[in-house]
Amino acid sequence: MAVCPKCNRKLGLFDWGQNCPHCGVNMRFYNFEETFYREAKMAELSSAKVSIKIRQLKGALIGGALPIARLSVLLLPLLSVLVPPLRFGLILPFTERSYDLGGIGLYNMFSDGTLPFLLSMSADPQNGAVFSALRNVLFAEVGAAVLGLLVFVLTVLCFISIRKMSVLLCAVSALGMADSAAILITALRFCAAAVQHAPSPLNGSMSFGAAVTFLMFAVVFALNLLVAIKGVAIEYGEGDLERVEIAKKIKRGELQLDDLPQPIVETSETRAIEEEIRKHRAHIESIADDAGQAEQ
């Protein structure tokens, strides 16, 4: 239930008027000036926070040649997974199939039920070694896709902390490069196992997908390393950083909002506004003086 802002007494259900039925104060305009200045100070601090976040977002994504270059390659590691590092054939009674072990090939294997079959055949006593070797390639390829997706997400979120996120992207890209090397090694081992255990239901031939994936992760790593070293210059609005620090002190209880002036931080913009207000007041006073002299 509402209370009177002056006497703090509860208002009845039918007390709809502007004046308090207990003390008679106009509740709508009570402490209007103090409330107005308080809300103006809160708006000043809030707008500074929003302004800094927007400038950080723009700086992290398009704040120079390096961020723009980084933004332009954020999808390359994920797209490179579409390039197959290996092509293998599956020979079974009454059927023979071949697949490119890339993103599209993985989807086709999953949709037609071949992928669960390949994974289950790792326990086969006769051909389990060949199927296990292929399973290792599959896992490494899925790992590259996951790391490519992480590169995309972290690049979009890099405004949270440009330097820290760049370091994190370097780490993810380095893992992607290591995973690309793992794809190449496991693919070579699979091809060797298929030849060694011939005749087997599987055969394979190498492709260049692992090299492409390695190169794309290397490009992302290099760009983020440069961003982490050189940083990104962000131009903040005048007084915004000071306002944010004041807001933190208010939150910690070191300062009281009511004790601060309005505007909280003076800038060239606020000084220009105050100058315009002074000129306007002087003009009004001059008109009032002229009118008073004319009456005399």
C-alpha atoms as a PDB file:
ATOM      1  CA  MET A   1       0.000   0.000   0.000  1.00  0.00           C
ATOM      2  CA  ALA A   2       1.230   3.527  -0.829  1.00  0.00           C
ATOM      3  CA  VAL A   3       2.482   5.881   1.874  1.00  0.00           C
ATOM      4  CA  CYS A   4       2.811   9.651   2.080  1.00  0.00           C
ATOM      5  CA  PRO A   5       6.374  10.767   1.150  1.00  0.00           C
ATOM      6  CA  LYS A   6       6.354  13.337   3.987  1.00  0.00           C
ATOM      7  CA  CYS A   7       4.598  11.808   7.007  1.00  0.00           C
ATOM      8  CA  ASN A   8       5.026   8.141   5.895  1.00  0.00           C
ATOM      9  CA  ARG A   9       1.455   7.327   6.887  1.00  0.00           C
ATOM     10  CA  LYS A  10      -0.405   4.735   4.840  1.00  0.00           C
ATOM     11  CA  LEU A  11      -2.944   5.930   2.320  1.00  0.00           C
ATOM     12  CA  GLY A  12      -6.398   4.428   2.114  1.00  0.00           C
ATOM     13  CA  LEU A  13      -7.816   2.595  -0.866  1.00  0.00           C
ATOM     14  CA  PHE A  14      -9.860   5.640  -1.884  1.00  0.00           C
ATOM     15  CA  ASP A  15      -7.199   8.306  -1.226  1.00  0.00           C
ATOM     16  CA  TRP A  16      -6.811   9.275  -4.866  1.00  0.00           C
ATOM     17  CA  GLY A  17      -6.186  12.985  -4.441  1.00  0.00           C
ATOM     18  CA  GLN A  18      -2.852  14.760  -4.812  1.00  0.00           C
ATOM     19  CA  ASN A  19      -2.899  15.971  -1.191  1.00  0.00           C
ATOM     20  CA  CYS A  20      -2.187  13.702   1.755  1.00  0.00           C
ATOM     21  CA  PRO A  21      -5.342  13.280   3.904  1.00  0.00           C
ATOM     22  CA  HIS A  22      -3.158  13.296   7.038  1.00  0.00           C
ATOM     23  CA  CYS A  23      -0.633  16.154   6.632  1.00  0.00           C
ATOM     24  CA  GLY A  24      -2.123  17.913   3.571  1.00  0.00           C
ATOM     25  CA  VAL A  25       1.114  18.008   1.551  1.00  0.00           C
ATOM     26  CA  ASN A  26       0.904  17.803  -2.246  1.00  0.00           C
ATOM     27  CA  MET A  27       2.357  14.325  -2.704  1.00  0.00           C
ATOM     28  CA  ARG A  28       2.955  14.716  -6.451  1.00  0.00           C
ATOM     29  CA  PHE A  29       5.255  17.708  -6.081  1.00  0.00           C
ATOM     30  CA  TYR A  30       6.732  16.986  -2.644  1.00  0.00           C
ATOM     31  CA  ASN A  31      10.545  17.175  -2.867  1.00  0.00           C
ATOM     32  CA  PHE A  32      10.150  17.579  -6.624  1.00  0.00           C
ATOM     33  CA  GLU A  33      13.394  19.499  -7.057  1.00  0.00           C
ATOM     34  CA  GLU A  34      15.459  17.028  -5.010  1.00  0.00           C
ATOM     35  CA  THR A  35      13.928  14.064  -6.861  1.00  0.00           C
ATOM     36  CA  PHE A  36      14.518  15.755 -10.218  1.00  0.00           C
ATOM     37  CA  TYR A  37      18.218  16.329  -9.530  1.00  0.00           C
ATOM     38  CA  ARG A  38      18.655  12.834  -8.119  1.00  0.00           C
ATOM     39  CA  GLU A  39      17.154  11.249 -11.222  1.00  0.00           C
ATOM     40  CA  ALA A  40      19.282  13.532 -13.413  1.00  0.00           C
ATOM     41  CA  LYS A  41      22.429  12.305 -11.632  1.00  0.00           C
ATOM     42  CA  MET A  42      21.362   8.677 -12.000  1.00  0.00           C
ATOM     43  CA  ALA A  43      20.685   9.236 -15.704  1.00  0.00           C
ATOM     44  CA  GLU A  44      24.109  10.845 -16.133  1.00  0.00           C
ATOM     45  CA  LEU A  45      25.879   7.845 -14.597  1.00  0.00           C
ATOM     46  CA  SER A  46      23.750   5.306 -16.485  1.00  0.00           C
ATOM     47  CA  SER A  47      24.283   6.988 -19.853  1.00  0.00           C
ATOM     48  CA  ALA A  48      28.053   6.939 -19.244  1.00  0.00           C
ATOM     49  CA  LYS A  49      27.959   3.163 -18.703  1.00  0.00           C
ATOM     50  CA  VAL A  50      25.956   2.622 -21.882  1.00  0.00           C
ATOM     51  CA  SER A  51      28.236   4.930 -23.868  1.00  0.00           C
ATOM     52  CA  ILE A  52      31.349   3.048 -22.739  1.00  0.00           C
ATOM     53  CA  LYS A  53      29.825  -0.348 -23.610  1.00  0.00           C
ATOM     54  CA  ILE A  54      28.841   0.862 -27.082  1.00  0.00           C
ATOM     55  CA  ARG A  55      32.311   2.303 -27.723  1.00  0.00           C
ATOM     56  CA  GLN A  56      33.925  -0.916 -26.491  1.00  0.00           C
ATOM     57  CA  LEU A  57      31.694  -2.952 -28.798  1.00  0.00           C
ATOM     58  CA  LYS A  58      32.540  -0.777 -31.797  1.00  0.00           C
ATOM     59  CA  GLY A  59      36.238  -0.776 -30.904  1.00  0.00           C
ATOM     60  CA  ALA A  60      36.390  -4.552 -30.466  1.00  0.00           C
ATOM     61  CA  LEU A  61      34.649  -5.257 -33.783  1.00  0.00           C
ATOM     62  CA  ILE A  62      35.501  -2.377 -36.125  1.00  0.00           C
ATOM     63  CA  GLY A  63      37.925  -0.205 -34.136  1.00  0.00           C
ATOM     64  CA  GLY A  64      40.814  -0.361 -36.590  1.00  0.00           C
ATOM     65  CA  ALA A  65      42.428  -2.545 -39.231  1.00  0.00           C
ATOM     66  CA  LEU A  66      43.216  -5.454 -36.898  1.00  0.00           C
ATOM     67  CA  PRO A  67      39.706  -5.785 -35.365  1.00  0.00           C
ATOM     68  CA  ILE A  68      38.141  -5.540 -38.830  1.00  0.00           C
ATOM     69  CA  ALA A  69      40.513  -8.207 -40.154  1.00  0.00           C
ATOM     70  CA  ARG A  70      39.722 -10.409 -37.159  1.00  0.00           C
ATOM     71  CA  LEU A  71      35.998  -9.948 -37.718  1.00  0.00           C
ATOM     72  CA  SER A  72      36.357 -10.873 -41.401  1.00  0.00           C
ATOM     73  CA  VAL A  73      37.958 -14.263 -40.615  1.00  0.00           C
ATOM     74  CA  LEU A  74      35.809 -15.347 -37.666  1.00  0.00           C
ATOM     75  CA  LEU A  75      33.956 -17.946 -39.769  1.00  0.00           C
ATOM     76  CA  LEU A  76      36.969 -19.351 -41.623  1.00  0.00           C
ATOM     77  CA  PRO A  77      37.920 -22.062 -39.077  1.00  0.00           C
ATOM     78  CA  LEU A  78      34.325 -23.283 -38.929  1.00  0.00           C
ATOM     79  CA  LEU A  79      33.948 -23.247 -42.720  1.00  0.00           C
ATOM     80  CA  SER A  80      37.290 -25.029 -43.175  1.00  0.00           C
ATOM     81  CA  VAL A  81      35.770 -28.110 -41.529  1.00  0.00           C
ATOM     82  CA  LEU A  82      33.683 -28.482 -44.688  1.00  0.00           C
ATOM     83  CA  VAL A  83      36.885 -29.278 -46.615  1.00  0.00           C
ATOM     84  CA  PRO A  84      37.445 -33.046 -46.155  1.00  0.00           C
ATOM     85  CA  PRO A  85      40.854 -34.233 -44.887  1.00  0.00           C
ATOM     86  CA  LEU A  86      40.074 -37.787 -45.953  1.00  0.00           C
ATOM     87  CA  ARG A  87      37.930 -39.755 -48.360  1.00  0.00           C
ATOM     88  CA  PHE A  88      37.062 -43.304 -47.378  1.00  0.00           C
ATOM     89  CA  GLY A  89      35.056 -46.139 -48.827  1.00  0.00           C
ATOM     90  CA  LEU A  90      32.870 -48.628 -46.975  1.00  0.00           C
ATOM     91  CA  ILE A  91      32.428 -52.011 -48.646  1.00  0.00           C
ATOM     92  CA  LEU A  92      29.729 -54.292 -47.257  1.00  0.00           C
ATOM     93  CA  PRO A  93      27.826 -57.219 -48.700  1.00  0.00           C
ATOM     94  CA  PHE A  94      25.419 -56.003 -51.367  1.00  0.00           C
ATOM     95  CA  THR A  95      26.409 -52.337 -50.888  1.00  0.00           C
ATOM     96  CA  GLU A  96      29.361 -50.013 -51.326  1.00  0.00           C
ATOM     97  CA  ARG A  97      29.513 -46.394 -50.206  1.00  0.00           C
ATOM     98  CA  SER A  98      32.081 -43.609 -50.156  1.00  0.00           C
ATOM     99  CA  TYR A  99      32.206 -40.467 -48.002  1.00  0.00           C
ATOM    100  CA  ASP A 100      34.184 -37.268 -47.735  1.00  0.00           C
ATOM    101  CA  LEU A 101      35.136 -36.904 -44.093  1.00  0.00           C
ATOM    102  CA  GLY A 102      34.203 -33.223 -43.830  1.00  0.00           C
ATOM    103  CA  GLY A 103      31.290 -31.348 -42.332  1.00  0.00           C
ATOM    104  CA  ILE A 104      28.868 -32.353 -45.100  1.00  0.00           C
ATOM    105  CA  GLY A 105      30.112 -35.921 -45.064  1.00  0.00           C
ATOM    106  CA  LEU A 106      29.599 -36.169 -41.304  1.00  0.00           C
ATOM    107  CA  TYR A 107      26.041 -34.922 -41.717  1.00  0.00           C
ATOM    108  CA  ASN A 108      25.351 -37.468 -44.474  1.00  0.00           C
ATOM    109  CA  MET A 109      26.766 -40.293 -42.354  1.00  0.00           C
ATOM    110  CA  PHE A 110      24.614 -39.254 -39.429  1.00  0.00           C
ATOM    111  CA  SER A 111      21.439 -38.890 -41.496  1.00  0.00           C
ATOM    112  CA  ASP A 112      21.711 -42.276 -43.224  1.00  0.00           C
ATOM    113  CA  GLY A 113      22.738 -44.187 -40.072  1.00  0.00           C
ATOM    114  CA  THR A 114      26.307 -44.932 -41.158  1.00  0.00           C
ATOM    115  CA  LEU A 115      27.944 -42.995 -38.309  1.00  0.00           C
ATOM    116  CA  PRO A 116      26.522 -45.138 -35.464  1.00  0.00           C
ATOM    117  CA  PHE A 117      27.470 -48.237 -37.434  1.00  0.00           C
ATOM    118  CA  LEU A 118      31.087 -47.073 -37.856  1.00  0.00           C
ATOM    119  CA  LEU A 119      31.408 -46.290 -34.140  1.00  0.00           C
ATOM    120  CA  SER A 120      29.931 -49.628 -33.095  1.00  0.00           C
ATOM    121  CA  MET A 121      32.301 -51.550 -35.397  1.00  0.00           C
ATOM    122  CA  SER A 122      35.293 -50.433 -33.320  1.00  0.00           C
ATOM    123  CA  ALA A 123      34.644 -53.452 -31.110  1.00  0.00           C
ATOM    124  CA  ASP A 124      34.713 -55.888 -34.031  1.00  0.00           C
ATOM    125  CA  PRO A 125      37.375 -58.555 -33.322  1.00  0.00           C
ATOM    126  CA  GLN A 126      38.471 -58.857 -36.961  1.00  0.00           C
ATOM    127  CA  ASN A 127      38.368 -55.284 -38.340  1.00  0.00           C
ATOM    128  CA  GLY A 128      38.149 -53.283 -35.122  1.00  0.00           C
ATOM    129  CA  ALA A 129      41.604 -51.727 -35.536  1.00  0.00           C
ATOM    130  CA  VAL A 130      40.685 -50.141 -38.883  1.00  0.00           C
ATOM    131  CA  PHE A 131      37.338 -48.871 -37.607  1.00  0.00           C
ATOM    132  CA  SER A 132      39.034 -47.538 -34.449  1.00  0.00           C
ATOM    133  CA  ALA A 133      41.519 -45.631 -36.617  1.00  0.00           C
ATOM    134  CA  LEU A 134      38.623 -44.096 -38.566  1.00  0.00           C
ATOM    135  CA  ARG A 135      36.843 -43.256 -35.311  1.00  0.00           C
ATOM    136  CA  ASN A 136      39.893 -41.263 -34.175  1.00  0.00           C
ATOM    137  CA  VAL A 137      39.731 -39.198 -37.364  1.00  0.00           C
ATOM    138  CA  LEU A 138      36.015 -38.588 -36.783  1.00  0.00           C
ATOM    139  CA  PHE A 139      36.604 -37.394 -33.224  1.00  0.00           C
ATOM    140  CA  ALA A 140      39.415 -35.071 -34.318  1.00  0.00           C
ATOM    141  CA  GLU A 141      37.199 -33.615 -37.066  1.00  0.00           C
ATOM    142  CA  VAL A 142      34.346 -32.991 -34.614  1.00  0.00           C
ATOM    143  CA  GLY A 143      36.845 -31.325 -32.258  1.00  0.00           C
ATOM    144  CA  ALA A 144      37.892 -28.933 -35.036  1.00  0.00           C
ATOM    145  CA  ALA A 145      34.233 -28.040 -35.641  1.00  0.00           C
ATOM    146  CA  VAL A 146      33.686 -27.320 -31.942  1.00  0.00           C
ATOM    147  CA  LEU A 147      36.812 -25.149 -31.763  1.00  0.00           C
ATOM    148  CA  GLY A 148      35.758 -23.307 -34.919  1.00  0.00           C
ATOM    149  CA  LEU A 149      32.392 -22.582 -33.310  1.00  0.00           C
ATOM    150  CA  LEU A 150      34.199 -21.309 -30.195  1.00  0.00           C
ATOM    151  CA  VAL A 151      36.266 -18.950 -32.342  1.00  0.00           C
ATOM    152  CA  PHE A 152      33.061 -17.512 -33.800  1.00  0.00           C
ATOM    153  CA  VAL A 153      31.362 -17.055 -30.404  1.00  0.00           C
ATOM    154  CA  LEU A 154      34.412 -15.583 -28.651  1.00  0.00           C
ATOM    155  CA  THR A 155      35.064 -13.148 -31.498  1.00  0.00           C
ATOM    156  CA  VAL A 156      31.496 -11.852 -31.269  1.00  0.00           C
ATOM    157  CA  LEU A 157      31.877 -11.496 -27.474  1.00  0.00           C
ATOM    158  CA  CYS A 158      35.334  -9.907 -27.576  1.00  0.00           C
ATOM    159  CA  PHE A 159      33.927  -6.528 -26.429  1.00  0.00           C
ATOM    160  CA  ILE A 160      33.683  -7.959 -22.892  1.00  0.00           C
ATOM    161  CA  SER A 161      37.446  -7.516 -22.553  1.00  0.00           C
ATOM    162  CA  ILE A 162      39.392  -6.944 -25.741  1.00  0.00           C
ATOM    163  CA  ARG A 163      42.789  -8.060 -24.455  1.00  0.00           C
ATOM    164  CA  LYS A 164      41.577 -11.017 -22.364  1.00  0.00           C
ATOM    165  CA  MET A 165      39.297 -12.328 -25.099  1.00  0.00           C
ATOM    166  CA  SER A 166      42.131 -11.978 -27.630  1.00  0.00           C
ATOM    167  CA  VAL A 167      44.365 -14.098 -25.400  1.00  0.00           C
ATOM    168  CA  LEU A 168      41.567 -16.647 -25.039  1.00  0.00           C
ATOM    169  CA  LEU A 169      41.085 -16.707 -28.808  1.00  0.00           C
ATOM    170  CA  CYS A 170      44.817 -17.300 -29.228  1.00  0.00           C
ATOM    171  CA  ALA A 171      44.539 -20.309 -26.909  1.00  0.00           C
ATOM    172  CA  VAL A 172      41.498 -21.694 -28.763  1.00  0.00           C
ATOM    173  CA  SER A 173      43.197 -21.146 -32.134  1.00  0.00           C
ATOM    174  CA  ALA A 174      46.344 -22.899 -30.898  1.00  0.00           C
ATOM    175  CA  LEU A 175      44.174 -25.852 -29.857  1.00  0.00           C
ATOM    176  CA  GLY A 176      42.608 -25.755 -33.320  1.00  0.00           C
ATOM    177  CA  MET A 177      46.045 -25.907 -34.938  1.00  0.00           C
ATOM    178  CA  ALA A 178      46.978 -28.849 -32.703  1.00  0.00           C
ATOM    179  CA  ASP A 179      43.671 -30.538 -33.559  1.00  0.00           C
ATOM    180  CA  SER A 180      44.350 -30.026 -37.273  1.00  0.00           C
ATOM    181  CA  ALA A 181      47.688 -31.781 -36.818  1.00  0.00           C
ATOM    182  CA  ALA A 182      45.838 -34.566 -34.997  1.00  0.00           C
ATOM    183  CA  ILE A 183      43.432 -34.872 -37.947  1.00  0.00           C
ATOM    184  CA  LEU A 184      46.363 -35.276 -40.333  1.00  0.00           C
ATOM    185  CA  ILE A 185      48.120 -37.850 -38.135  1.00  0.00           C
ATOM    186  CA  THR A 186      44.999 -39.931 -37.475  1.00  0.00           C
ATOM    187  CA  ALA A 187      44.046 -39.825 -41.171  1.00  0.00           C
ATOM    188  CA  LEU A 188      47.493 -41.109 -42.151  1.00  0.00           C
ATOM    189  CA  ARG A 189      47.239 -43.855 -39.548  1.00  0.00           C
ATOM    190  CA  PHE A 190      43.821 -44.850 -40.850  1.00  0.00           C
ATOM    191  CA  CYS A 191      45.078 -45.132 -44.422  1.00  0.00           C
ATOM    192  CA  ALA A 192      48.044 -47.195 -43.220  1.00  0.00           C
ATOM    193  CA  ALA A 193      45.759 -49.442 -41.118  1.00  0.00           C
ATOM    194  CA  ALA A 194      43.397 -49.963 -44.079  1.00  0.00           C
ATOM    195  CA  VAL A 195      46.331 -51.147 -46.224  1.00  0.00           C
ATOM    196  CA  GLN A 196      47.833 -53.232 -43.427  1.00  0.00           C
ATOM    197  CA  HIS A 197      44.601 -55.094 -42.672  1.00  0.00           C
ATOM    198  CA  ALA A 198      43.529 -55.538 -46.294  1.00  0.00           C
ATOM    199  CA  PRO A 199      41.190 -56.876 -47.339  1.00  0.00           C
ATOM    200  CA  SER A 200      38.974 -54.903 -44.974  1.00  0.00           C
ATOM    201  CA  PRO A 201      35.588 -53.189 -45.346  1.00  0.00           C
ATOM    202  CA  LEU A 202      37.347 -49.802 -45.286  1.00  0.00           C
ATOM    203  CA  ASN A 203      39.763 -48.026 -47.583  1.00  0.00           C
ATOM    204  CA  GLY A 204      40.879 -44.425 -47.637  1.00  0.00           C
ATOM    205  CA  SER A 205      42.768 -41.719 -49.508  1.00  0.00           C
ATOM    206  CA  MET A 206      44.164 -38.461 -48.148  1.00  0.00           C
ATOM    207  CA  SER A 207      42.931 -34.978 -49.018  1.00  0.00           C
ATOM    208  CA  PHE A 208      44.045 -31.459 -48.053  1.00  0.00           C
ATOM    209  CA  GLY A 209      41.337 -30.564 -45.519  1.00  0.00           C
ATOM    210  CA  ALA A 210      43.632 -30.782 -42.484  1.00  0.00           C
ATOM    211  CA  ALA A 211      46.076 -28.304 -44.044  1.00  0.00           C
ATOM    212  CA  VAL A 212      43.268 -25.843 -44.810  1.00  0.00           C
ATOM    213  CA  THR A 213      41.912 -26.103 -41.248  1.00  0.00           C
ATOM    214  CA  PHE A 214      45.400 -25.602 -39.812  1.00  0.00           C
ATOM    215  CA  LEU A 215      45.928 -22.522 -41.989  1.00  0.00           C
ATOM    216  CA  MET A 216      42.598 -20.939 -40.988  1.00  0.00           C
ATOM    217  CA  PHE A 217      43.265 -21.415 -37.279  1.00  0.00           C
ATOM    218  CA  ALA A 218      46.781 -20.033 -37.794  1.00  0.00           C
ATOM    219  CA  VAL A 219      45.355 -16.868 -39.391  1.00  0.00           C
ATOM    220  CA  VAL A 220      42.973 -16.363 -36.457  1.00  0.00           C
ATOM    221  CA  PHE A 221      45.824 -16.999 -34.010  1.00  0.00           C
ATOM    222  CA  ALA A 222      48.101 -14.433 -35.682  1.00  0.00           C
ATOM    223  CA  LEU A 223      45.457 -11.693 -35.807  1.00  0.00           C
ATOM    224  CA  ASN A 224      44.422 -12.164 -32.187  1.00  0.00           C
ATOM    225  CA  LEU A 225      48.038 -12.237 -31.077  1.00  0.00           C
ATOM    226  CA  LEU A 226      48.577  -8.851 -32.743  1.00  0.00           C
ATOM    227  CA  VAL A 227      45.435  -7.467 -31.100  1.00  0.00           C
ATOM    228  CA  ALA A 228      46.567  -8.773 -27.697  1.00  0.00           C
ATOM    229  CA  ILE A 229      50.014  -7.196 -28.107  1.00  0.00           C
ATOM    230  CA  LYS A 230      49.087  -3.874 -29.697  1.00  0.00           C
ATOM    231  CA  GLY A 231      45.634  -3.444 -28.173  1.00  0.00           C
ATOM    232  CA  VAL A 232      42.800  -1.391 -29.640  1.00  0.00           C
ATOM    233  CA  ALA A 233      42.606   2.353 -29.114  1.00  0.00           C
ATOM    234  CA  ILE A 234      39.116   3.310 -27.940  1.00  0.00           C
ATOM    235  CA  GLU A 235      38.089   6.952 -27.666  1.00  0.00           C
ATOM    236  CA  TYR A 236      35.677   7.415 -24.785  1.00  0.00           C
ATOM    237  CA  GLY A 237      33.393  10.373 -24.313  1.00  0.00           C
ATOM    238  CA  GLU A 238      34.646  13.207 -22.148  1.00  0.00           C
ATOM    239  CA  GLY A 239      34.055  12.394 -18.476  1.00  0.00           C
ATOM    240  CA  ASP A 240      32.523   8.934 -19.099  1.00  0.00           C
ATOM    241  CA  LEU A 241      35.325   6.978 -17.455  1.00  0.00           C
ATOM    242  CA  GLU A 242      35.230   9.295 -14.431  1.00  0.00           C
ATOM    243  CA  ARG A 243      31.462   8.847 -14.169  1.00  0.00           C
ATOM    244  CA  VAL A 244      31.812   5.063 -14.213  1.00  0.00           C
ATOM    245  CA  GLU A 245      34.385   5.176 -11.422  1.00  0.00           C
ATOM    246  CA  ILE A 246      32.048   7.385  -9.383  1.00  0.00           C
ATOM    247  CA  ALA A 247      29.190   4.920  -9.979  1.00  0.00           C
ATOM    248  CA  LYS A 248      31.394   2.095  -8.652  1.00  0.00           C
ATOM    249  CA  LYS A 249      32.199   4.114  -5.532  1.00  0.00           C
ATOM    250  CA  ILE A 250      28.499   4.780  -4.982  1.00  0.00           C
ATOM    251  CA  LYS A 251      27.774   1.064  -5.307  1.00  0.00           C
ATOM    252  CA  ARG A 252      30.491   0.278  -2.754  1.00  0.00           C
ATOM    253  CA  GLY A 253      29.082   2.895  -0.396  1.00  0.00           C
ATOM    254  CA  GLU A 254      32.137   5.172  -0.567  1.00  0.00           C
ATOM    255  CA  LEU A 255      30.069   8.046  -1.960  1.00  0.00           C
ATOM    256  CA  GLN A 256      26.464   9.185  -1.614  1.00  0.00           C
ATOM    257  CA  LEU A 257      24.541  10.230  -4.699  1.00  0.00           C
ATOM    258  CA  ASP A 258      22.820  13.093  -2.846  1.00  0.00           C
ATOM    259  CA  ASP A 259      26.196  14.585  -1.890  1.00  0.00           C
ATOM    260  CA  LEU A 260      27.350  14.928  -5.506  1.00  0.00           C
ATOM    261  CA  PRO A 261      26.794  18.039  -7.635  1.00  0.00           C
ATOM    262  CA  GLN A 262      24.738  18.113 -10.789  1.00  0.00           C
ATOM    263  CA  PRO A 263      26.189  17.622 -13.303  1.00  0.00           C
ATOM    264  CA  ILE A 264      28.406  15.134 -11.492  1.00  0.00           C
ATOM    265  CA  VAL A 265      31.288  15.637 -13.940  1.00  0.00           C
ATOM    266  CA  GLU A 266      31.689  18.913 -15.803  1.00  0.00           C
ATOM    267  CA  THR A 267      32.611  18.674 -19.470  1.00  0.00           C
ATOM    268  CA  SER A 268      32.864  21.122 -22.327  1.00  0.00           C
ATOM    269  CA  GLU A 269      29.321  20.132 -23.317  1.00  0.00           C
ATOM    270  CA  THR A 270      27.848  20.797 -19.870  1.00  0.00           C
ATOM    271  CA  ARG A 271      29.782  24.081 -19.602  1.00  0.00           C
ATOM    272  CA  ALA A 272      28.377  25.175 -22.949  1.00  0.00           C
ATOM    273  CA  ILE A 273      24.843  24.336 -21.772  1.00  0.00           C
ATOM    274  CA  GLU A 274      25.365  26.272 -18.535  1.00  0.00           C
ATOM    275  CA  GLU A 275      26.660  29.245 -20.508  1.00  0.00           C
ATOM    276  CA  GLU A 276      23.557  29.191 -22.701  1.00  0.00           C
ATOM    277  CA  ILE A 277      21.370  29.074 -19.591  1.00  0.00           C
ATOM    278  CA  ARG A 278      23.185  32.076 -18.103  1.00  0.00           C
ATOM    279  CA  LYS A 279      22.783  34.031 -21.313  1.00  0.00           C
ATOM    280  CA  HIS A 280      19.077  33.179 -21.456  1.00  0.00           C
ATOM    281  CA  ARG A 281      18.558  34.242 -17.841  1.00  0.00           C
ATOM    282  CA  ALA A 282      20.464  37.484 -18.417  1.00  0.00           C
ATOM    283  CA  HIS A 283      18.306  38.181 -21.463  1.00  0.00           C
ATOM    284  CA  ILE A 284      15.098  37.596 -19.474  1.00  0.00           C
ATOM    285  CA  GLU A 285      16.327  39.834 -16.630  1.00  0.00           C
ATOM    286  CA  SER A 286      17.232  42.532 -19.142  1.00  0.00           C
ATOM    287  CA  ILE A 287      13.720  42.408 -20.625  1.00  0.00           C
ATOM    288  CA  ALA A 288      12.207  42.567 -17.142  1.00  0.00           C
ATOM    289  CA  ASP A 289      14.353  45.614 -16.241  1.00  0.00           C
ATOM    290  CA  ASP A 290      13.369  47.369 -19.466  1.00  0.00           C
ATOM    291  CA  ALA A 291       9.710  46.651 -18.762  1.00  0.00           C
ATOM    292  CA  GLY A 292      10.060  48.016 -15.201  1.00  0.00           C
ATOM    293  CA  GLN A 293      11.725  51.230 -16.416  1.00  0.00           C
ATOM    294  CA  ALA A 294       9.012  51.688 -19.038  1.00  0.00           C
ATOM    295  CA  GLU A 295       6.290  51.449 -16.379  1.00  0.00           C
ATOM    296  CA  GLN A 296       8.067  54.100 -14.278  1.00  0.00           C
END
